[in-house]
C-alpha cells in the first residue's frame, strides 16, 4: 500500500488534533467536519479498504469501534448518540485509501433514504 496522509499523521509528519492514541490506533478530529463532533479512528496498520480487511484484522477493526465509543463518551456524545461510518472505494465515498472510521455526533443525524417516510403531511 502506498503512503497516505494518514500514514504521515501516524508518523507525525503532518500535525493532527489527536484525541486518542495507543500502539494500535489513532483518533483525531476531522479537518472537514460534517457535524459538531466529527473525528476519525484509524488503525496504525495500513489496510487500504474494507475489502482488504483479513481475518487476522477482526480484533483490530472491533477495537476501532471500542475506541470510537470511548472517545465519543469522553466528548460527551455517547448518551445522546453518534454515528459511525466506514466508506469503501470510489462509489462508497472513500478518498483516503487507509481504512478509517468516521464518528459523527453533536446533533440529530437524519438518514436520507428515510427522510420521505418521516415527513408529516
Protein backbone atom coordinates (compact mmCIF):
# COMPACT_ATOMS: atom_id res chain seq x y z
CA UNK A 1 0.00 0.00 0.00
CA UNK A 2 1.35 3.44 -0.87
CA UNK A 3 1.83 6.11 1.76
CA UNK A 4 -1.25 8.21 2.52
CA UNK A 5 -1.96 11.34 4.52
CA UNK A 6 -2.93 9.02 7.39
CA UNK A 7 0.42 7.23 7.42
CA UNK A 8 2.05 10.66 7.55
CA UNK A 9 -0.17 11.60 10.52
CA UNK A 10 0.74 8.32 12.25
CA UNK A 11 4.46 9.10 11.71
CA UNK A 12 3.87 12.67 13.00
CA UNK A 13 5.00 14.16 9.68
CA UNK A 14 1.66 16.01 9.45
CA UNK A 15 0.02 17.54 12.54
CA UNK A 16 -3.42 16.43 13.71
CA UNK A 17 -5.67 17.25 16.63
CA UNK A 18 -5.20 13.88 18.34
CA UNK A 19 -7.91 12.71 20.72
CA UNK A 20 -6.58 9.20 21.47
CA UNK A 21 -3.51 7.17 20.58
CA UNK A 22 -2.03 3.84 21.52
CA UNK A 23 0.06 1.22 19.76
CA UNK A 24 -2.87 0.06 17.56
CA UNK A 25 -4.99 3.07 16.62
CA UNK A 26 -5.10 6.84 16.40
CA UNK A 27 -8.21 9.04 16.77
CA UNK A 28 -8.19 12.66 15.66
CA UNK A 29 -10.58 15.43 14.67
CA UNK A 30 -11.61 15.53 11.01
CA UNK A 31 -10.25 18.59 9.20
CA UNK A 32 -13.55 18.96 7.30
CA UNK A 33 -16.18 18.24 9.97
CA UNK A 34 -19.70 17.30 8.87
CA UNK A 35 -21.16 17.54 12.39
CA UNK A 36 -20.28 19.46 15.58
CA UNK A 37 -18.26 16.41 16.65
CA UNK A 38 -16.52 14.60 13.80
CA UNK A 39 -13.41 12.54 14.38
CA UNK A 40 -11.69 9.63 12.69
CA UNK A 41 -10.35 6.42 14.15
CA UNK A 42 -7.60 4.83 12.04
CA UNK A 43 -5.56 1.71 12.54
CA UNK A 44 -1.80 2.11 12.59
CA UNK A 45 -1.64 -0.99 10.42
CA UNK A 46 -2.16 0.13 6.82
CA UNK A 47 -5.27 -1.51 5.34
CA UNK A 48 -6.43 0.14 2.11
CA UNK A 49 -10.17 -0.62 2.04
CA UNK A 50 -12.83 -2.57 3.88
CA UNK A 51 -12.39 -5.20 1.14
CA UNK A 52 -8.79 -5.67 2.30
CA UNK A 53 -9.63 -6.49 5.93
CA UNK A 54 -8.38 -10.01 6.67
CA UNK A 55 -9.44 -12.46 9.37
CA UNK A 56 -6.38 -11.52 11.42
CA UNK A 57 -7.66 -7.91 11.43
CA UNK A 58 -11.01 -8.76 13.07
CA UNK A 59 -9.88 -7.79 16.58
CA UNK A 60 -8.30 -4.56 15.30
CA UNK A 61 -11.46 -3.45 13.49
CA UNK A 62 -13.56 -4.29 16.55
CA UNK A 63 -11.11 -2.33 18.69
CA UNK A 64 -11.55 0.70 16.39
CA UNK A 65 -15.25 0.69 17.31
CA UNK A 66 -14.49 0.43 21.03
CA UNK A 67 -12.12 3.40 20.76
CA UNK A 68 -14.80 5.32 18.84
CA UNK A 69 -17.25 4.74 21.71
CA UNK A 70 -14.65 5.74 24.32
CA UNK A 71 -13.73 8.98 22.56
CA UNK A 72 -17.41 9.79 21.91
CA UNK A 73 -18.01 9.29 25.63
CA UNK A 74 -15.02 11.47 26.53
CA UNK A 75 -16.51 14.20 24.32
CA UNK A 76 -19.93 13.89 25.97
CA UNK A 77 -21.67 12.38 22.94
CA UNK A 78 -22.23 8.76 23.95
CA UNK A 79 -25.54 9.19 25.74
CA UNK A 80 -27.24 11.32 23.07
CA UNK A 81 -25.78 9.12 20.33
CA UNK A 82 -23.34 9.10 17.47
CA UNK A 83 -22.94 7.62 14.01
CA UNK A 84 -20.03 5.55 12.73
CA UNK A 85 -19.31 5.26 9.01
CA UNK A 86 -16.58 3.48 7.08
CA UNK A 87 -16.55 4.27 3.36
CA UNK A 88 -15.24 1.75 0.83
CA UNK A 89 -13.83 2.61 -2.60
CA UNK A 90 -14.90 5.34 -5.02
CA UNK A 91 -18.66 4.80 -5.10
CA UNK A 92 -18.69 4.41 -1.32
CA UNK A 93 -17.11 7.84 -0.92
CA UNK A 94 -13.63 6.72 0.16
CA UNK A 95 -10.99 9.36 -0.61
CA UNK A 96 -8.07 8.14 1.52
CA UNK A 97 -7.12 4.51 0.92
CA UNK A 98 -6.33 3.64 4.53
CA UNK A 99 -9.43 2.43 6.36
CA UNK A 100 -10.88 4.93 8.77
CA UNK A 101 -13.96 5.08 10.91
CA UNK A 102 -15.81 8.39 10.84
CA UNK A 103 -17.59 9.24 14.10
CA UNK A 104 -20.20 12.00 13.90
CA UNK A 105 -22.18 13.45 16.80
CA UNK A 106 -23.36 16.62 18.47
CA UNK A 107 -26.65 16.96 16.58
CA UNK A 108 -29.55 14.79 15.42
CA UNK A 109 -28.43 12.95 12.31
CA UNK A 110 -31.04 12.03 9.70
CA UNK A 111 -30.75 9.26 7.17
CA UNK A 112 -31.63 10.25 3.58
CA UNK A 113 -33.48 7.07 2.47
CA UNK A 114 -35.94 7.51 5.32
CA UNK A 115 -36.46 11.27 5.14
CA UNK A 116 -39.54 10.98 2.91
CA UNK A 117 -41.15 8.50 5.32
CA UNK A 118 -40.56 10.89 8.21
CA UNK A 119 -42.37 13.82 6.59
CA UNK A 120 -45.73 14.67 8.08
CA UNK A 121 -48.31 15.83 5.57
